[in-house]
Protein backbone atom coordinates (compact mmCIF):
# COMPACT_ATOMS: atom_id res chain seq x y z
CA MET A 1 101.00 118.19 109.31
CA PRO A 2 104.69 118.23 110.25
CA GLU A 3 105.70 120.43 113.12
CA PRO A 4 107.32 123.69 112.02
CA PRO A 5 111.11 123.54 112.18
CA LYS A 6 112.80 125.15 115.12
CA ILE A 7 115.85 127.30 114.72
CA ARG A 8 118.24 127.77 117.59
CA PRO A 9 121.51 129.69 117.52
CA ARG A 10 124.59 127.83 118.57
CA ALA A 11 127.29 129.33 120.72
CA SER A 12 129.28 129.79 117.49
CA SER A 13 128.15 131.80 114.48
CA THR A 14 126.76 128.65 112.83
CA SER A 15 123.07 127.95 113.36
CA TYR A 16 120.82 125.04 112.55
CA LEU A 17 117.22 124.06 112.23
CA ASP A 18 115.35 120.82 112.89
CA VAL A 19 112.88 119.55 110.30
CA SER A 20 110.38 116.79 111.08
CA HIS A 21 108.93 114.54 108.39
CA ALA A 22 107.23 111.12 108.53
CA GLY A 23 108.17 110.58 112.15
CA GLU A 24 111.84 111.50 111.65
CA THR A 25 113.66 114.68 112.64
CA TYR A 26 116.60 115.92 110.60
CA ARG A 27 119.09 118.50 111.84
CA ILE A 28 120.25 120.90 109.14
CA SER A 29 123.27 123.15 109.47
CA LEU A 30 122.82 126.64 108.03
CA ARG A 31 125.61 128.33 106.10
CA ARG A 32 125.15 131.85 104.78
CA THR A 33 127.36 132.45 101.74
CA ALA A 34 127.73 135.78 99.99
CA SER A 35 128.45 134.13 96.63
CA ALA A 36 125.35 131.88 96.75
CA ARG A 37 122.52 132.92 94.44
CA ARG A 38 119.94 130.44 95.66
CA PHE A 39 119.14 128.03 98.48
CA THR A 40 120.91 124.69 98.12
CA LEU A 41 120.87 121.50 100.18
CA ARG A 42 123.71 119.02 100.50
CA VAL A 43 123.79 115.65 102.22
CA ARG A 44 127.46 114.94 102.93
CA PRO A 45 128.33 111.22 102.99
CA ALA A 46 131.60 111.71 104.85
CA THR A 47 130.08 113.45 107.87
CA GLU A 48 126.53 112.16 107.38
CA ASP A 49 125.02 115.58 107.88
CA VAL A 50 122.86 118.03 105.97
CA VAL A 51 123.91 121.55 105.04
CA LEU A 52 121.60 124.28 103.76
CA THR A 53 123.38 127.15 102.02
CA ILE A 54 121.58 130.48 102.26
CA PRO A 55 122.24 133.38 99.88
CA SER A 56 123.21 136.67 101.48
CA ARG A 57 119.72 138.14 101.02
CA GLY A 58 117.87 135.01 102.08
CA SER A 59 115.86 135.05 105.29
CA LEU A 60 115.56 132.40 107.97
CA SER A 61 111.85 132.04 107.27
CA GLU A 62 112.66 131.28 103.62
CA ALA A 63 115.26 128.77 104.77
CA LYS A 64 112.66 127.04 106.96
CA SER A 65 110.18 126.83 104.10
CA PHE A 66 112.82 125.53 101.70
CA ALA A 67 113.95 122.83 104.13
CA LEU A 68 110.38 121.70 104.78
CA ARG A 69 109.64 121.41 101.07
CA HIS A 70 112.65 119.14 100.70
CA ALA A 71 112.28 117.13 103.90
CA ALA A 72 111.30 113.95 102.05
CA TRP A 73 114.34 114.31 99.78
CA ILE A 74 116.61 114.76 102.81
CA GLY A 75 115.26 111.61 104.43
CA ALA A 76 115.69 109.59 101.25
CA ARG A 77 119.29 110.73 100.77
CA LEU A 78 120.21 110.00 104.39
CA ARG A 79 118.77 106.50 104.12
CA ARG A 80 120.88 105.88 101.02
CA LEU A 81 124.16 106.67 102.75
CA PRO A 82 126.59 103.70 102.78
CA GLN A 83 126.59 101.59 105.91
CA LYS A 84 129.51 102.25 108.24
CA ILE A 85 132.04 99.43 108.52
CA PRO A 86 134.07 99.54 111.75
CA PHE A 87 137.49 97.91 111.93
CA GLU A 88 136.30 94.88 113.85
CA PRO A 89 136.54 91.08 113.42
CA GLY A 90 134.57 89.88 110.42
CA ALA A 91 134.67 93.23 108.64
CA ILE A 92 135.77 93.20 105.01
CA ILE A 93 137.94 96.16 104.07
CA PRO A 94 140.06 97.00 101.02
CA VAL A 95 143.84 97.29 101.20
CA ARG A 96 145.50 98.49 98.00
CA GLY A 97 142.25 97.73 96.21
CA ILE A 98 142.05 94.11 97.43
CA LEU A 99 139.39 93.04 99.93
CA HIS A 100 140.69 91.63 103.22
CA VAL A 101 138.85 90.11 106.18
CA ILE A 102 139.76 91.25 109.70
CA VAL A 103 140.33 88.22 111.94
CA HIS A 104 140.85 88.15 115.70
CA ALA A 105 143.72 85.80 116.59
CA PRO A 106 144.18 86.19 120.36
CA ALA A 107 146.18 82.96 120.76
CA ARG A 108 148.86 84.13 118.32
CA ARG A 109 151.71 86.54 118.83
CA GLY A 110 152.95 89.23 116.51
CA GLY A 111 150.45 92.07 116.86
CA LEU A 112 149.11 92.32 113.32
CA TRP A 113 150.03 90.43 110.16
CA ILE A 114 148.63 89.68 106.72
CA GLU A 115 147.86 86.17 105.50
CA PRO A 116 147.82 86.55 101.69
CA ALA A 117 145.40 84.77 99.40
CA GLU A 118 148.05 82.47 97.95
CA GLU A 119 148.58 80.99 101.41
CA LEU A 120 144.84 80.45 101.84
CA ALA A 121 144.14 78.43 98.69
CA GLY A 122 142.90 81.49 96.85
CA LYS A 123 140.50 82.64 99.54
CA THR A 124 140.11 86.26 100.67
CA PRO A 125 143.33 87.46 102.35
CA LEU A 126 143.23 88.09 106.08
CA ILE A 127 144.29 90.89 108.40
CA CYS A 128 145.07 88.98 111.59
CA VAL A 129 145.17 90.90 114.85
CA ALA A 130 146.40 89.42 118.13
CA ALA A 131 145.31 92.34 120.31
CA ASP A 132 142.43 92.28 122.78
CA LEU A 133 139.09 93.04 121.17
CA PRO A 134 138.81 96.68 122.30
CA PHE A 135 142.19 97.47 120.69
CA ILE A 136 141.57 95.88 117.28
CA PRO A 137 140.15 99.02 115.56
CA ARG A 138 143.16 101.09 116.63
CA ARG A 139 145.65 98.41 115.56
CA VAL A 140 144.06 98.10 112.12
CA ARG A 141 143.92 101.87 111.66
CA ASP A 142 147.56 102.28 112.73
CA TYR A 143 148.58 99.55 110.28
CA LEU A 144 146.77 101.23 107.39
CA ILE A 145 148.32 104.60 108.20
CA ARG A 146 151.82 103.08 108.31
CA GLU A 147 151.29 101.37 104.96
CA ALA A 148 149.85 104.54 103.47
CA ARG A 149 152.84 106.59 104.61
CA ARG A 150 155.27 104.08 103.15
CA ASP A 151 153.54 103.95 99.75
CA ILE A 152 152.89 107.70 99.52
CA GLU A 153 156.40 108.74 100.55
CA ALA A 154 157.90 106.31 98.01
CA ALA A 155 155.60 107.57 95.23
CA VAL A 156 156.25 111.24 96.02
CA ALA A 157 160.00 110.66 96.10
CA ALA A 158 159.88 108.97 92.70
CA HIS A 159 157.75 111.69 91.10
CA ALA A 160 159.63 114.56 92.71
CA GLY A 161 162.90 113.06 91.51
CA LYS A 162 161.65 113.25 87.92
CA LEU A 163 161.00 116.97 88.39
CA GLY A 164 164.23 117.65 90.23
CA LEU A 165 162.26 118.86 93.25
CA ALA A 166 161.58 117.71 96.79
CA ALA A 167 158.57 117.99 99.05
CA ARG A 168 159.19 120.03 102.18
CA LYS A 169 157.02 117.77 104.31
CA ILE A 170 154.46 114.98 103.89
CA THR A 171 151.52 114.78 106.28
CA LEU A 172 148.78 112.15 106.46
CA ARG A 173 145.32 113.09 107.68
CA ASP A 174 141.79 111.73 107.72
CA THR A 175 140.29 114.34 105.43
CA VAL A 176 136.71 114.29 104.19
CA SER A 177 136.80 116.84 101.37
CA ARG A 178 140.21 116.41 99.74
CA TRP A 179 142.38 113.40 98.95
CA GLY A 180 145.47 115.56 98.85
CA SER A 181 146.74 119.13 98.88
CA CYS A 182 149.92 121.13 98.43
CA SER A 183 150.76 124.26 100.39
CA SER A 184 152.61 127.28 99.06
CA SER A 185 155.59 126.24 101.19
CA GLY A 186 155.83 122.88 99.43
CA SER A 187 154.25 120.70 102.11
CA LEU A 188 152.07 117.87 100.81
CA ASN A 189 149.04 116.50 102.63
CA PHE A 190 147.26 113.24 101.85
CA SER A 191 144.38 111.18 103.15
CA TRP A 192 145.69 107.94 104.64
CA ARG A 193 142.58 106.26 103.20
CA LEU A 194 144.29 106.19 99.81
CA ILE A 195 145.93 102.95 100.98
CA MET A 196 142.53 101.32 100.52
CA ALA A 197 142.33 102.36 96.86
CA PRO A 198 144.05 100.51 94.00
CA PRO A 199 147.78 101.37 93.79
CA TYR A 200 147.40 103.36 90.57
CA VAL A 201 144.99 105.72 92.39
CA LEU A 202 147.45 106.39 95.21
CA ASP A 203 150.24 106.85 92.67
CA TYR A 204 148.13 109.33 90.71
CA LEU A 205 147.36 111.41 93.82
CA ALA A 206 151.06 111.43 94.70
CA ALA A 207 151.86 112.60 91.16
CA HIS A 208 149.07 115.19 91.26
CA GLU A 209 150.26 116.84 94.46
CA THR A 210 153.91 116.56 93.45
CA ALA A 211 153.09 118.39 90.19
CA HIS A 212 151.76 121.22 92.36
CA LEU A 213 155.32 121.79 93.56
CA LEU A 214 155.93 123.00 90.02
CA HIS A 215 152.58 124.68 89.34
CA LEU A 216 150.43 125.67 92.34
CA ASN A 217 147.28 125.78 90.23
CA HIS A 218 145.27 123.64 87.81
CA SER A 219 146.49 125.28 84.64
CA SER A 220 147.18 123.41 81.42
CA ALA A 221 150.87 123.45 82.37
CA PHE A 222 150.02 121.70 85.63
CA TRP A 223 148.00 118.96 83.93
CA ALA A 224 150.78 118.47 81.40
CA ALA A 225 153.25 117.99 84.26
CA ALA A 226 150.94 115.53 86.01
CA ALA A 227 150.52 113.57 82.78
CA ARG A 228 154.31 113.31 82.46
CA LEU A 229 154.49 111.79 85.92
CA THR A 230 151.68 109.23 85.61
CA PRO A 231 149.64 107.67 82.80
CA HIS A 232 146.67 107.13 85.13
CA VAL A 233 145.18 110.62 85.36
CA GLU A 234 141.80 109.94 83.74
CA ARG A 235 141.52 106.38 85.05
CA ALA A 236 142.28 107.39 88.63
CA GLU A 237 140.01 110.46 88.50
CA ALA A 238 137.16 108.23 87.31
CA TRP A 239 137.81 105.71 90.11
CA LEU A 240 137.84 108.41 92.78
CA LYS A 241 134.61 109.90 91.48
CA ALA A 242 132.86 106.52 91.47
CA HIS A 243 134.36 104.86 94.55
CA GLY A 244 136.25 107.46 96.57
CA PRO A 245 133.37 108.50 98.85
CA GLY A 246 132.85 104.85 99.81
CA LEU A 247 136.28 104.73 101.43
CA LEU A 248 135.08 107.14 104.10
CA ARG A 249 132.72 104.57 105.60
CA PHE A 250 135.50 102.23 106.72
CA GLY A 251 136.78 102.45 110.25
CA ARG A 252 133.92 104.54 111.57
CA GLY A 253 131.67 103.39 114.37
CA ALA A 254 128.31 101.92 113.39
């Protein structure tokens, strides 16, 4: 019989419980939500954690029982999470939708450079890094962020120009729940990981958030504006749904 889960309060208002099953112990964060009508479990790929939502009238004993009944499911979902791929030599990562291999080139100078496929007889293009090994992940990450900023700012400028508007500010972050957002003040936020997606996906997200400068909602008028800016709405949405979560595994420690 599995040991009963233990619940311990954290210093913050969030609590958790530990559930043991088949020799493994899983930590589950507890979130009480007034709008929830039933207990629900989520395994989040981005943060690799488990969240149990508790309805306002639910008790902790009910939460324990619910988590225990689904312990096998939790374990199965955690084992199915994509393997993390750090930015280290030998890693294969996408840049603008094209797979590249990270190569350590300590004898060369130049920091970081790309050797495209056409210069390698059609082989996989390379991201060459001349830094010492401990600094390679940071160099690769910085390169991707720079490229993302360049592409996103250019796309936003083009789309905003069509609307006769301008973004107040563009910020890049490493978000796990949204690819982009627009504030009421006209500031746009994007995930720098969009540089790893095909260009039409990045362009669509730039168009999507730029359209929010005109309509800060998801009304039919908003979608009509987004469609005027890009022809890739449905195609890009489908790509993000199928492949977007996989981008979160790159550049994270194994």
